[in-house]
C-alpha atoms as a PDB file:
ATOM      1  CA  MET A   1     222.463  28.934 272.776  1.00  0.00           C
ATOM      2  CA  VAL A   2     223.957  32.219 271.498  1.00  0.00           C
ATOM      3  CA  LYS A   3     221.870  34.035 268.833  1.00  0.00           C
ATOM      4  CA  ILE A   4     223.897  36.087 266.365  1.00  0.00           C
ATOM      5  CA  GLY A   5     222.777  38.562 263.695  1.00  0.00           C
ATOM      6  CA  ILE A   6     225.085  39.341 260.757  1.00  0.00           C
ATOM      7  CA  LEU A   7     224.240  42.719 259.170  1.00  0.00           C
ATOM      8  CA  GLY A   8     225.557  43.537 255.656  1.00  0.00           C
ATOM      9  CA  GLY A   9     225.159  43.370 251.983  1.00  0.00           C
ATOM     10  CA  LYS A  10     226.374  46.792 250.895  1.00  0.00           C
ATOM     11  CA  LEU A  11     230.021  45.891 250.591  1.00  0.00           C
ATOM     12  CA  GLY A  12     229.404  42.884 248.251  1.00  0.00           C
ATOM     13  CA  GLU A  13     232.519  41.051 249.588  1.00  0.00           C
ATOM     14  CA  THR A  14     232.855  37.396 248.562  1.00  0.00           C
ATOM     15  CA  ASN A  15     234.738  34.230 249.303  1.00  0.00           C
ATOM     16  CA  PRO A  16     235.919  31.654 246.814  1.00  0.00           C
ATOM     17  CA  SER A  17     234.304  28.204 246.978  1.00  0.00           C
ATOM     18  CA  GLU A  18     237.620  26.601 246.505  1.00  0.00           C
ATOM     19  CA  PRO A  19     239.060  24.836 248.432  1.00  0.00           C
ATOM     20  CA  TYR A  20     235.844  23.164 249.308  1.00  0.00           C
ATOM     21  CA  ARG A  21     234.819  23.124 252.967  1.00  0.00           C
ATOM     22  CA  LYS A  22     231.863  21.225 254.445  1.00  0.00           C
ATOM     23  CA  TRP A  23     230.010  24.217 255.691  1.00  0.00           C
ATOM     24  CA  MET A  24     229.558  25.397 251.946  1.00  0.00           C
ATOM     25  CA  ASP A  25     226.826  22.777 251.592  1.00  0.00           C
ATOM     26  CA  ASN A  26     224.634  24.934 253.861  1.00  0.00           C
ATOM     27  CA  VAL A  27     224.907  28.172 251.845  1.00  0.00           C
ATOM     28  CA  PRO A  28     221.737  28.983 249.862  1.00  0.00           C
ATOM     29  CA  GLU A  29     222.271  29.037 246.058  1.00  0.00           C
ATOM     30  CA  LYS A  30     221.051  32.501 245.800  1.00  0.00           C
ATOM     31  CA  TYR A  31     224.238  33.696 247.621  1.00  0.00           C
ATOM     32  CA  ILE A  32     226.627  31.975 245.323  1.00  0.00           C
ATOM     33  CA  ASP A  33     227.604  33.594 242.026  1.00  0.00           C
ATOM     34  CA  ASP A  34     229.934  31.754 239.693  1.00  0.00           C
ATOM     35  CA  GLY A  35     231.673  29.998 242.523  1.00  0.00           C
ATOM     36  CA  TRP A  36     232.048  33.101 244.745  1.00  0.00           C
ATOM     37  CA  ILE A  37     230.063  33.125 248.075  1.00  0.00           C
ATOM     38  CA  LEU A  38     228.617  36.351 249.586  1.00  0.00           C
ATOM     39  CA  ASN A  39     230.604  36.947 252.771  1.00  0.00           C
ATOM     40  CA  GLU A  40     227.738  37.356 255.139  1.00  0.00           C
ATOM     41  CA  ALA A  41     226.140  34.069 253.901  1.00  0.00           C
ATOM     42  CA  ALA A  42     229.440  32.316 254.321  1.00  0.00           C
ATOM     43  CA  LEU A  43     229.772  33.606 257.921  1.00  0.00           C
ATOM     44  CA  VAL A  44     226.291  32.334 258.792  1.00  0.00           C
ATOM     45  CA  ALA A  45     226.937  28.900 257.354  1.00  0.00           C
ATOM     46  CA  ALA A  46     230.478  28.515 258.757  1.00  0.00           C
ATOM     47  CA  ILE A  47     229.669  29.681 262.317  1.00  0.00           C
ATOM     48  CA  GLU A  48     226.615  27.445 262.590  1.00  0.00           C
ATOM     49  CA  TYR A  49     228.544  24.403 261.234  1.00  0.00           C
ATOM     50  CA  LYS A  50     231.494  24.845 263.580  1.00  0.00           C
ATOM     51  CA  TYR A  51     229.524  25.913 266.737  1.00  0.00           C
ATOM     52  CA  PRO A  52     226.401  23.866 267.323  1.00  0.00           C
ATOM     53  CA  ASP A  53     225.318  26.198 270.151  1.00  0.00           C
ATOM     54  CA  ALA A  54     225.168  29.199 267.695  1.00  0.00           C
ATOM     55  CA  GLU A  55     221.947  30.300 265.866  1.00  0.00           C
ATOM     56  CA  VAL A  56     223.042  32.842 263.102  1.00  0.00           C
ATOM     57  CA  THR A  57     220.881  34.999 260.969  1.00  0.00           C
ATOM     58  CA  TYR A  58     221.790  37.072 257.877  1.00  0.00           C
ATOM     59  CA  LEU A  59     219.953  40.405 258.302  1.00  0.00           C
ATOM     60  CA  LYS A  60     219.736  42.699 255.178  1.00  0.00           C
ATOM     61  CA  ASN A  61     217.982  45.663 257.088  1.00  0.00           C
ATOM     62  CA  PHE A  62     217.576  47.222 260.450  1.00  0.00           C
ATOM     63  CA  ASN A  63     214.340  45.568 261.649  1.00  0.00           C
ATOM     64  CA  GLU A  64     214.279  46.247 265.371  1.00  0.00           C
ATOM     65  CA  LYS A  65     212.011  43.234 266.100  1.00  0.00           C
ATOM     66  CA  SER A  66     214.474  40.965 264.394  1.00  0.00           C
ATOM     67  CA  LEU A  67     217.531  42.678 265.978  1.00  0.00           C
ATOM     68  CA  GLN A  68     216.141  42.232 269.544  1.00  0.00           C
ATOM     69  CA  LYS A  69     215.863  38.500 269.159  1.00  0.00           C
ATOM     70  CA  ASN A  70     219.637  38.213 268.967  1.00  0.00           C
ATOM     71  CA  ASP A  71     222.177  38.472 271.715  1.00  0.00           C
ATOM     72  CA  VAL A  72     224.391  40.572 269.336  1.00  0.00           C
ATOM     73  CA  ASN A  73     224.159  41.965 265.736  1.00  0.00           C
ATOM     74  CA  PHE A  74     227.384  42.434 264.149  1.00  0.00           C
ATOM     75  CA  LEU A  75     227.925  45.165 261.472  1.00  0.00           C
ATOM     76  CA  VAL A  76     229.811  43.261 258.834  1.00  0.00           C
ATOM     77  CA  GLY A  77     229.314  44.636 255.212  1.00  0.00           C
ATOM     78  CA  ILE A  78     227.592  47.770 256.375  1.00  0.00           C
ATOM     79  CA  ASN A  79     227.829  50.606 258.885  1.00  0.00           C
ATOM     80  CA  LEU A  80     226.293  53.992 259.750  1.00  0.00           C
ATOM     81  CA  LEU A  81     228.202  55.733 256.947  1.00  0.00           C
ATOM     82  CA  ASN A  82     226.127  53.866 254.375  1.00  0.00           C
ATOM     83  CA  ALA A  83     223.036  55.656 255.652  1.00  0.00           C
ATOM     84  CA  TRP A  84     224.793  59.047 256.091  1.00  0.00           C
ATOM     85  CA  HIS A  85     225.716  58.937 252.413  1.00  0.00           C
ATOM     86  CA  ASN A  86     222.192  57.863 251.413  1.00  0.00           C
ATOM     87  CA  SER A  87     219.940  60.480 253.005  1.00  0.00           C
ATOM     88  CA  ASN A  88     219.296  62.364 256.253  1.00  0.00           C
ATOM     89  CA  THR A  89     216.127  60.341 256.764  1.00  0.00           C
ATOM     90  CA  MET A  90     218.027  56.979 256.605  1.00  0.00           C
ATOM     91  CA  HIS A  91     220.778  58.346 258.810  1.00  0.00           C
ATOM     92  CA  LYS A  92     218.450  59.455 261.460  1.00  0.00           C
ATOM     93  CA  LYS A  93     216.603  56.114 261.481  1.00  0.00           C
ATOM     94  CA  TRP A  94     219.760  54.003 261.636  1.00  0.00           C
ATOM     95  CA  LEU A  95     221.257  56.330 264.361  1.00  0.00           C
ATOM     96  CA  ALA A  96     218.247  55.942 266.568  1.00  0.00           C
ATOM     97  CA  ILE A  97     218.393  52.165 266.127  1.00  0.00           C
ATOM     98  CA  MET A  98     222.051  52.000 267.011  1.00  0.00           C
ATOM     99  CA  LYS A  99     221.553  54.214 270.019  1.00  0.00           C
ATOM    100  CA  ASN A 100     218.955  51.827 271.462  1.00  0.00           C
ATOM    101  CA  ASN A 101     220.900  49.273 273.550  1.00  0.00           C
ATOM    102  CA  LYS A 102     218.072  46.749 273.224  1.00  0.00           C
ATOM    103  CA  ASN A 103     219.007  46.297 269.539  1.00  0.00           C
ATOM    104  CA  ASN A 104     222.489  44.968 270.519  1.00  0.00           C
ATOM    105  CA  ILE A 105     224.409  46.487 267.651  1.00  0.00           C
ATOM    106  CA  TYR A 106     228.207  45.841 267.559  1.00  0.00           C
ATOM    107  CA  PRO A 107     230.498  47.812 267.241  1.00  0.00           C
ATOM    108  CA  PRO A 108     228.844  50.505 269.455  1.00  0.00           C
ATOM    109  CA  LEU A 109     228.458  54.092 268.275  1.00  0.00           C
ATOM    110  CA  SER A 110     231.451  55.278 270.227  1.00  0.00           C
ATOM    111  CA  GLU A 111     233.865  53.227 268.265  1.00  0.00           C
ATOM    112  CA  GLN A 112     232.115  54.013 264.966  1.00  0.00           C
ATOM    113  CA  ASN A 113     232.198  57.824 265.547  1.00  0.00           C
ATOM    114  CA  PHE A 114     235.907  57.714 266.505  1.00  0.00           C
ATOM    115  CA  LEU A 115     236.851  56.013 263.288  1.00  0.00           C
ATOM    116  CA  TYR A 116     234.639  58.168 261.080  1.00  0.00           C
ATOM    117  CA  ASN A 117     236.560  61.275 261.976  1.00  0.00           C
ATOM    118  CA  LYS A 118     239.755  60.435 260.188  1.00  0.00           C
ATOM    119  CA  GLY A 119     241.612  63.657 260.851  1.00  0.00           C
ATOM    120  CA  ASP A 120     240.875  63.718 264.448  1.00  0.00           C
ATOM    121  CA  TYR A 121     242.011  60.160 265.129  1.00  0.00           C
ATOM    122  CA  LEU A 122     245.261  60.795 263.054  1.00  0.00           C
ATOM    123  CA  LYS A 123     246.070  63.772 265.244  1.00  0.00           C
ATOM    124  CA  TYR A 124     245.265  61.685 268.360  1.00  0.00           C
ATOM    125  CA  TYR A 125     247.668  58.915 267.350  1.00  0.00           C
ATOM    126  CA  GLU A 126     250.363  61.609 266.340  1.00  0.00           C
ATOM    127  CA  LYS A 127     250.259  62.816 269.975  1.00  0.00           C
ATOM    128  CA  LYS A 128     250.705  59.216 271.110  1.00  0.00           C
ATOM    129  CA  GLY A 129     253.914  58.938 269.197  1.00  0.00           C
ATOM    130  CA  VAL A 130     252.496  57.068 266.180  1.00  0.00           C
ATOM    131  CA  PRO A 131     254.051  58.340 262.838  1.00  0.00           C
ATOM    132  CA  ILE A 132     251.502  59.760 260.319  1.00  0.00           C
ATOM    133  CA  ALA A 133     251.992  61.528 256.914  1.00  0.00           C
ATOM    134  CA  PRO A 134     252.505  65.280 257.333  1.00  0.00           C
ATOM    135  CA  THR A 135     248.931  66.528 257.996  1.00  0.00           C
ATOM    136  CA  PHE A 136     246.798  69.513 258.870  1.00  0.00           C
ATOM    137  CA  LEU A 137     243.072  69.548 259.352  1.00  0.00           C
ATOM    138  CA  ILE A 138     240.438  71.595 257.465  1.00  0.00           C
ATOM    139  CA  LYS A 139     237.296  72.316 259.468  1.00  0.00           C
ATOM    140  CA  LYS A 140     234.956  75.265 258.990  1.00  0.00           C
ATOM    141  CA  ASN A 141     237.520  77.533 257.246  1.00  0.00           C
ATOM    142  CA  ARG A 142     237.649  76.189 253.745  1.00  0.00           C
ATOM    143  CA  ASP A 143     239.317  79.043 251.881  1.00  0.00           C
ATOM    144  CA  PRO A 144     241.423  77.572 249.064  1.00  0.00           C
ATOM    145  CA  LYS A 145     243.943  80.451 249.284  1.00  0.00           C
ATOM    146  CA  LYS A 146     244.607  79.770 252.913  1.00  0.00           C
ATOM    147  CA  ILE A 147     244.848  75.977 252.308  1.00  0.00           C
ATOM    148  CA  ILE A 148     247.377  76.480 249.550  1.00  0.00           C
ATOM    149  CA  ALA A 149     249.328  78.969 251.692  1.00  0.00           C
ATOM    150  CA  GLU A 150     249.584  76.370 254.379  1.00  0.00           C
ATOM    151  CA  VAL A 151     250.764  73.763 251.903  1.00  0.00           C
ATOM    152  CA  LYS A 152     253.465  76.130 250.667  1.00  0.00           C
ATOM    153  CA  LYS A 153     254.549  77.044 254.156  1.00  0.00           C
ATOM    154  CA  ASN A 154     255.055  73.319 254.682  1.00  0.00           C
ATOM    155  CA  LYS A 155     257.093  73.093 251.407  1.00  0.00           C
ATOM    156  CA  TRP A 156     255.011  70.297 250.011  1.00  0.00           C
ATOM    157  CA  LYS A 157     255.245  69.847 246.268  1.00  0.00           C
ATOM    158  CA  GLY A 158     251.902  68.019 246.133  1.00  0.00           C
ATOM    159  CA  PHE A 159     249.027  67.392 248.445  1.00  0.00           C
ATOM    160  CA  VAL A 160     245.989  65.161 248.905  1.00  0.00           C
ATOM    161  CA  VAL A 161     242.709  66.057 250.496  1.00  0.00           C
ATOM    162  CA  LYS A 162     240.362  63.500 251.905  1.00  0.00           C
ATOM    163  CA  PRO A 163     237.119  63.956 253.896  1.00  0.00           C
ATOM    164  CA  ASP A 164     235.969  62.706 257.217  1.00  0.00           C
ATOM    165  CA  TYR A 165     232.831  60.477 257.044  1.00  0.00           C
ATOM    166  CA  ALA A 166     234.113  58.821 253.898  1.00  0.00           C
ATOM    167  CA  PHE A 167     235.266  55.292 252.993  1.00  0.00           C
ATOM    168  CA  ALA A 168     237.135  53.512 250.192  1.00  0.00           C
ATOM    169  CA  ASN A 169     238.390  56.275 247.862  1.00  0.00           C
ATOM    170  CA  ILE A 170     235.342  58.482 248.113  1.00  0.00           C
ATOM    171  CA  GLU A 171     236.122  62.150 247.303  1.00  0.00           C
ATOM    172  CA  ILE A 172     239.845  61.846 247.700  1.00  0.00           C
ATOM    173  CA  SER A 173     241.606  64.397 245.461  1.00  0.00           C
ATOM    174  CA  LYS A 174     245.218  65.062 244.545  1.00  0.00           C
ATOM    175  CA  TYR A 175     246.958  68.346 243.662  1.00  0.00           C
ATOM    176  CA  GLU A 176     250.354  69.730 242.396  1.00  0.00           C
ATOM    177  CA  ILE A 177     251.352  72.984 243.943  1.00  0.00           C
ATOM    178  CA  ASP A 178     252.986  74.180 240.711  1.00  0.00           C
ATOM    179  CA  ASP A 179     249.769  73.573 238.744  1.00  0.00           C
ATOM    180  CA  LYS A 180     248.515  77.049 237.620  1.00  0.00           C
ATOM    181  CA  ASP A 181     244.920  76.044 238.139  1.00  0.00           C
ATOM    182  CA  VAL A 182     245.480  74.468 241.532  1.00  0.00           C
ATOM    183  CA  GLU A 183     243.432  77.122 243.375  1.00  0.00           C
ATOM    184  CA  LYS A 184     240.547  76.837 240.909  1.00  0.00           C
ATOM    185  CA  LYS A 185     240.462  72.928 241.117  1.00  0.00           C
ATOM    186  CA  LEU A 186     240.659  73.032 244.987  1.00  0.00           C
ATOM    187  CA  SER A 187     237.849  75.569 245.136  1.00  0.00           C
ATOM    188  CA  LYS A 188     235.593  73.386 242.990  1.00  0.00           C
ATOM    189  CA  TYR A 189     236.505  70.387 245.171  1.00  0.00           C
ATOM    190  CA  LEU A 190     235.682  72.297 248.448  1.00  0.00           C
ATOM    191  CA  LYS A 191     232.244  73.209 247.108  1.00  0.00           C
ATOM    192  CA  LYS A 192     231.690  69.571 246.108  1.00  0.00           C
ATOM    193  CA  THR A 193     232.578  68.303 249.572  1.00  0.00           C
ATOM    194  CA  LYS A 194     230.902  70.972 251.713  1.00  0.00           C
ATOM    195  CA  LYS A 195     228.587  68.400 253.297  1.00  0.00           C
ATOM    196  CA  PHE A 196     231.463  66.556 254.967  1.00  0.00           C
ATOM    197  CA  PRO A 197     232.203  67.727 258.588  1.00  0.00           C
ATOM    198  CA  GLY A 198     235.903  67.981 258.027  1.00  0.00           C
ATOM    199  CA  LEU A 199     238.796  67.448 255.654  1.00  0.00           C
ATOM    200  CA  VAL A 200     242.312  66.037 256.016  1.00  0.00           C
ATOM    201  CA  CYS A 201     245.046  67.700 254.048  1.00  0.00           C
ATOM    202  CA  GLN A 202     248.279  65.642 253.646  1.00  0.00           C
ATOM    203  CA  GLU A 203     251.504  65.812 251.783  1.00  0.00           C
ATOM    204  CA  LYS A 204     251.476  63.646 248.679  1.00  0.00           C
ATOM    205  CA  MET A 205     253.521  60.607 249.566  1.00  0.00           C
ATOM    206  CA  LYS A 206     255.382  59.116 246.568  1.00  0.00           C
ATOM    207  CA  GLY A 207     255.541  55.764 248.447  1.00  0.00           C
ATOM    208  CA  PHE A 208     251.836  55.034 247.598  1.00  0.00           C
ATOM    209  CA  VAL A 209     252.816  54.522 244.047  1.00  0.00           C
ATOM    210  CA  LYS A 210     256.335  53.213 244.404  1.00  0.00           C
ATOM    211  CA  LYS A 211     255.943  51.058 247.581  1.00  0.00           C
ATOM    212  CA  TRP A 212     253.242  48.712 249.105  1.00  0.00           C
ATOM    213  CA  GLU A 213     250.529  49.907 251.370  1.00  0.00           C
ATOM    214  CA  LEU A 214     250.071  47.364 254.119  1.00  0.00           C
ATOM    215  CA  LYS A 215     246.543  46.519 255.354  1.00  0.00           C
ATOM    216  CA  THR A 216     247.096  44.589 258.598  1.00  0.00           C
ATOM    217  CA  PHE A 217     244.343  42.653 260.306  1.00  0.00           C
ATOM    218  CA  TRP A 218     244.146  42.484 264.202  1.00  0.00           C
ATOM    219  CA  ILE A 219     241.417  40.141 265.347  1.00  0.00           C
ATOM    220  CA  ASN A 220     240.510  40.200 269.062  1.00  0.00           C
ATOM    221  CA  GLY A 221     243.797  41.995 269.823  1.00  0.00           C
ATOM    222  CA  GLU A 222     246.105  39.735 267.797  1.00  0.00           C
ATOM    223  CA  TYR A 223     247.759  40.120 264.415  1.00  0.00           C
ATOM    224  CA  LYS A 224     246.380  37.580 261.982  1.00  0.00           C
ATOM    225  CA  TYR A 225     247.373  38.562 258.360  1.00  0.00           C
ATOM    226  CA  HIS A 226     248.102  41.338 256.047  1.00  0.00           C
ATOM    227  CA  VAL A 227     247.611  42.366 252.408  1.00  0.00           C
ATOM    228  CA  ALA A 228     250.118  44.441 250.497  1.00  0.00           C
ATOM    229  CA  ILE A 229     248.560  46.600 247.855  1.00  0.00           C
ATOM    230  CA  LYS A 230     249.524  49.482 245.646  1.00  0.00           C
ATOM    231  CA  ALA A 231     247.335  52.514 245.239  1.00  0.00           C
ATOM    232  CA  SER A 232     245.038  52.135 242.279  1.00  0.00           C
ATOM    233  CA  GLY A 233     242.492  54.094 240.224  1.00  0.00           C
ATOM    234  CA  ASP A 234     242.292  57.622 238.715  1.00  0.00           C
ATOM    235  CA  LEU A 235     243.794  59.205 241.745  1.00  0.00           C
ATOM    236  CA  TRP A 236     247.200  57.736 241.281  1.00  0.00           C
ATOM    237  CA  GLY A 237     247.007  56.552 237.665  1.00  0.00           C
ATOM    238  CA  GLU A 238     248.023  52.979 238.570  1.00  0.00           C
ATOM    239  CA  SER A 239     246.264  49.687 238.258  1.00  0.00           C
ATOM    240  CA  GLU A 240     245.678  47.650 241.421  1.00  0.00           C
ATOM    241  CA  SER A 241     248.345  45.129 242.358  1.00  0.00           C
ATOM    242  CA  PHE A 242     249.181  42.955 245.215  1.00  0.00           C
ATOM    243  CA  GLY A 243     252.613  41.814 246.596  1.00  0.00           C
ATOM    244  CA  ASN A 244     254.569  41.643 249.835  1.00  0.00           C
ATOM    245  CA  VAL A 245     257.275  43.259 251.793  1.00  0.00           C
ATOM    246  CA  SER A 246     260.501  42.084 253.439  1.00  0.00           C
ATOM    247  CA  LYS A 247     260.589  40.551 256.959  1.00  0.00           C
ATOM    248  CA  LYS A 248     262.476  43.606 258.220  1.00  0.00           C
ATOM    249  CA  SER A 249     259.756  45.946 256.928  1.00  0.00           C
ATOM    250  CA  MET A 250     256.986  43.755 258.278  1.00  0.00           C
ATOM    251  CA  THR A 251     258.605  43.794 261.794  1.00  0.00           C
ATOM    252  CA  GLU A 252     258.630  47.593 261.801  1.00  0.00           C
ATOM    253  CA  ILE A 253     255.034  47.740 260.467  1.00  0.00           C
ATOM    254  CA  LYS A 254     253.652  45.383 263.128  1.00  0.00           C
ATOM    255  CA  LYS A 255     255.414  47.553 265.827  1.00  0.00           C
ATOM    256  CA  ILE A 256     253.572  50.646 264.622  1.00  0.00           C
ATOM    257  CA  ALA A 257     250.241  48.773 264.183  1.00  0.00           C
ATOM    258  CA  LYS A 258     250.606  47.297 267.691  1.00  0.00           C
ATOM    259  CA  LYS A 259     251.076  50.809 269.092  1.00  0.00           C
ATOM    260  CA  VAL A 260     247.871  51.872 267.314  1.00  0.00           C
ATOM    261  CA  LEU A 261     246.019  48.877 268.891  1.00  0.00           C
ATOM    262  CA  ASP A 262     247.464  49.534 272.406  1.00  0.00           C
ATOM    263  CA  ASN A 263     246.392  53.255 272.363  1.00  0.00           C
ATOM    264  CA  TYR A 264     242.841  52.554 270.869  1.00  0.00           C
ATOM    265  CA  PRO A 265     240.384  54.335 273.068  1.00  0.00           C
ATOM    266  CA  GLU A 266     238.637  51.963 275.579  1.00  0.00           C
ATOM    267  CA  THR A 267     235.147  50.932 274.907  1.00  0.00           C
ATOM    268  CA  LYS A 268     232.874  50.000 277.834  1.00  0.00           C
ATOM    269  CA  ILE A 269     229.786  47.919 277.385  1.00  0.00           C
ATOM    270  CA  LYS A 270     227.626  47.255 280.404  1.00  0.00           C
ATOM    271  CA  GLY A 271     230.398  48.779 282.472  1.00  0.00           C
ATOM    272  CA  LYS A 272     233.116  46.403 281.228  1.00  0.00           C
ATOM    273  CA  ILE A 273     236.013  47.091 278.938  1.00  0.00           C
ATOM    274  CA  VAL A 274     235.630  45.327 275.536  1.00  0.00           C
ATOM    275  CA  LYS A 275     238.409  45.124 273.049  1.00  0.00           C
ATOM    276  CA  PRO A 276     237.470  45.589 269.406  1.00  0.00           C
ATOM    277  CA  LEU A 277     236.629  42.559 267.454  1.00  0.00           C
ATOM    278  CA  PHE A 278     238.964  43.653 264.842  1.00  0.00           C
ATOM    279  CA  LEU A 279     240.838  46.668 263.449  1.00  0.00           C
ATOM    280  CA  ARG A 280     242.245  46.816 259.880  1.00  0.00           C
ATOM    281  CA  ILE A 281     245.259  49.109 260.517  1.00  0.00           C
ATOM    282  CA  ASP A 282     246.545  50.515 257.137  1.00  0.00           C
ATOM    283  CA  LEU A 283     250.087  51.725 256.878  1.00  0.00           C
ATOM    284  CA  GLY A 284     251.729  53.722 254.037  1.00  0.00           C
ATOM    285  CA  CYS A 285     255.269  54.279 253.008  1.00  0.00           C
ATOM    286  CA  CYS A 286     257.349  56.182 253.710  1.00  0.00           C
ATOM    287  CA  GLN A 287     258.143  58.600 256.603  1.00  0.00           C
ATOM    288  CA  GLY A 288     259.907  61.821 255.493  1.00  0.00           C
ATOM    289  CA  ASN A 289     258.517  61.177 251.944  1.00  0.00           C
ATOM    290  CA  THR A 290     261.433  58.902 251.288  1.00  0.00           C
ATOM    291  CA  LEU A 291     261.284  55.474 249.872  1.00  0.00           C
ATOM    292  CA  ASP A 292     262.781  53.804 252.915  1.00  0.00           C
ATOM    293  CA  PRO A 293     260.647  50.606 253.216  1.00  0.00           C
ATOM    294  CA  THR A 294     261.396  50.308 257.006  1.00  0.00           C
ATOM    295  CA  LYS A 295     259.722  53.716 257.650  1.00  0.00           C
ATOM    296  CA  TYR A 296     255.964  53.103 257.455  1.00  0.00           C
ATOM    297  CA  PHE A 297     253.278  55.464 258.953  1.00  0.00           C
ATOM    298  CA  LEU A 298     249.630  55.128 259.951  1.00  0.00           C
ATOM    299  CA  ASN A 299     247.445  55.893 257.014  1.00  0.00           C
ATOM    300  CA  GLU A 300     244.070  54.914 258.322  1.00  0.00           C
ATOM    301  CA  ILE A 301     242.034  52.608 260.552  1.00  0.00           C
ATOM    302  CA  GLU A 302     238.935  50.692 259.260  1.00  0.00           C
ATOM    303  CA  TYR A 303     236.542  48.570 261.109  1.00  0.00           C
ATOM    304  CA  ALA A 304     232.873  47.428 260.401  1.00  0.00           C
ATOM    305  CA  GLY A 305     232.048  47.610 256.753  1.00  0.00           C
ATOM    306  CA  CYS A 306     235.591  47.465 255.376  1.00  0.00           C
ATOM    307  CA  GLY A 307     237.254  44.984 253.058  1.00  0.00           C
ATOM    308  CA  THR A 308     238.680  41.938 254.580  1.00  0.00           C
ATOM    309  CA  PHE A 309     240.271  40.690 251.302  1.00  0.00           C
ATOM    310  CA  THR A 310     239.136  37.107 251.876  1.00  0.00           C
ATOM    311  CA  ASP A 311     238.821  37.028 248.028  1.00  0.00           C
ATOM    312  CA  VAL A 312     242.649  37.645 247.760  1.00  0.00           C
ATOM    313  CA  LYS A 313     244.055  35.372 250.561  1.00  0.00           C
ATOM    314  CA  ASN A 314     242.848  32.171 252.028  1.00  0.00           C
ATOM    315  CA  VAL A 315     242.011  33.774 255.409  1.00  0.00           C
ATOM    316  CA  PHE A 316     238.281  33.292 255.847  1.00  0.00           C
ATOM    317  CA  HIS A 317     238.793  30.699 258.602  1.00  0.00           C
ATOM    318  CA  TYR A 318     239.803  33.432 261.013  1.00  0.00           C
ATOM    319  CA  TRP A 319     236.406  35.209 260.837  1.00  0.00           C
ATOM    320  CA  PRO A 320     233.796  32.639 262.002  1.00  0.00           C
ATOM    321  CA  GLU A 321     235.849  31.898 265.136  1.00  0.00           C
ATOM    322  CA  ALA A 322     236.309  35.655 265.764  1.00  0.00           C
ATOM    323  CA  TYR A 323     232.625  36.571 265.488  1.00  0.00           C
ATOM    324  CA  TYR A 324     231.571  33.500 267.634  1.00  0.00           C
ATOM    325  CA  LYS A 325     234.078  34.260 270.406  1.00  0.00           C
ATOM    326  CA  LYS A 326     233.055  37.900 270.531  1.00  0.00           C
ATOM    327  CA  ALA A 327     229.357  36.969 270.625  1.00  0.00           C
ATOM    328  CA  ILE A 328     229.946  34.774 273.584  1.00  0.00           C
ATOM    329  CA  GLU A 329     232.007  37.394 275.323  1.00  0.00           C
ATOM    330  CA  LEU A 330     229.210  40.040 274.796  1.00  0.00           C
ATOM    331  CA  LYS A 331     226.452  37.641 275.869  1.00  0.00           C
ATOM    332  CA  ASN A 332     228.236  36.899 279.124  1.00  0.00           C
ATOM    333  CA  LEU A 333     228.770  40.504 280.179  1.00  0.00           C
END
């Protein structure tokens, strides 16, 4: 018997109840809203239905007594950043729990910390030959005049600033260099985001509005599916939409994403290398700030606590198997 904990609830991700699958009979009614099933509850029911040797529990909080009953506790719709954004007290508590190996939290802190520092990992991959958008990092020196001078030196007409330790579209801001109030606006933003340990400054890429961003899903080292989405919300002034790209574009996108996966830092658990359960590797268009759909670049990497878009595509079936196999792997280390 393998005992699995599914931690989540903050993301609020759901799965459609159509088409009907037998495991749905085992989902408590409280986790179903107008035909949409909470992702964590769906995972519990589906894993237990498919794998009789699995005992799965949906955990809504970090109770160490409950955690230590399981062979592994997966961060699904939640991660350490939720606590960091909530309060110092919660962050310290969660951090201590995740540092305690007896609590069997997966993914481990080493992987979480690597992905929370967006600017550092982008520069890491740039050195590995992975294309990224033109980027410079902002650390302690947050003088708006110097930042604008660097943008002008790079000859960018517009730029975007996004913080480390953020997720979704939290505190992403866009600027035009010919805006007479750009320094004032940037200064206000820098004061607002002073709590973040670092910021990423990138050239504004017109492909985010004109072309599709590809969110590719790599489960246990293999490509499984992707979602093509256009930037949405106040930042870009566009409504969210989904589509697809050509086979030629997809071939190049997979090559870049595979290089990201192959150069992902090794994680050791109990002295053995463990590949990530999954990476969502997001790629934007287009290199050189052109609109060439074969010239994608690495935009960001997401992991625990990120959207899997099971409400957009019929892909849920990948996940119960993935979590079960990883649980068996970790139990047998």
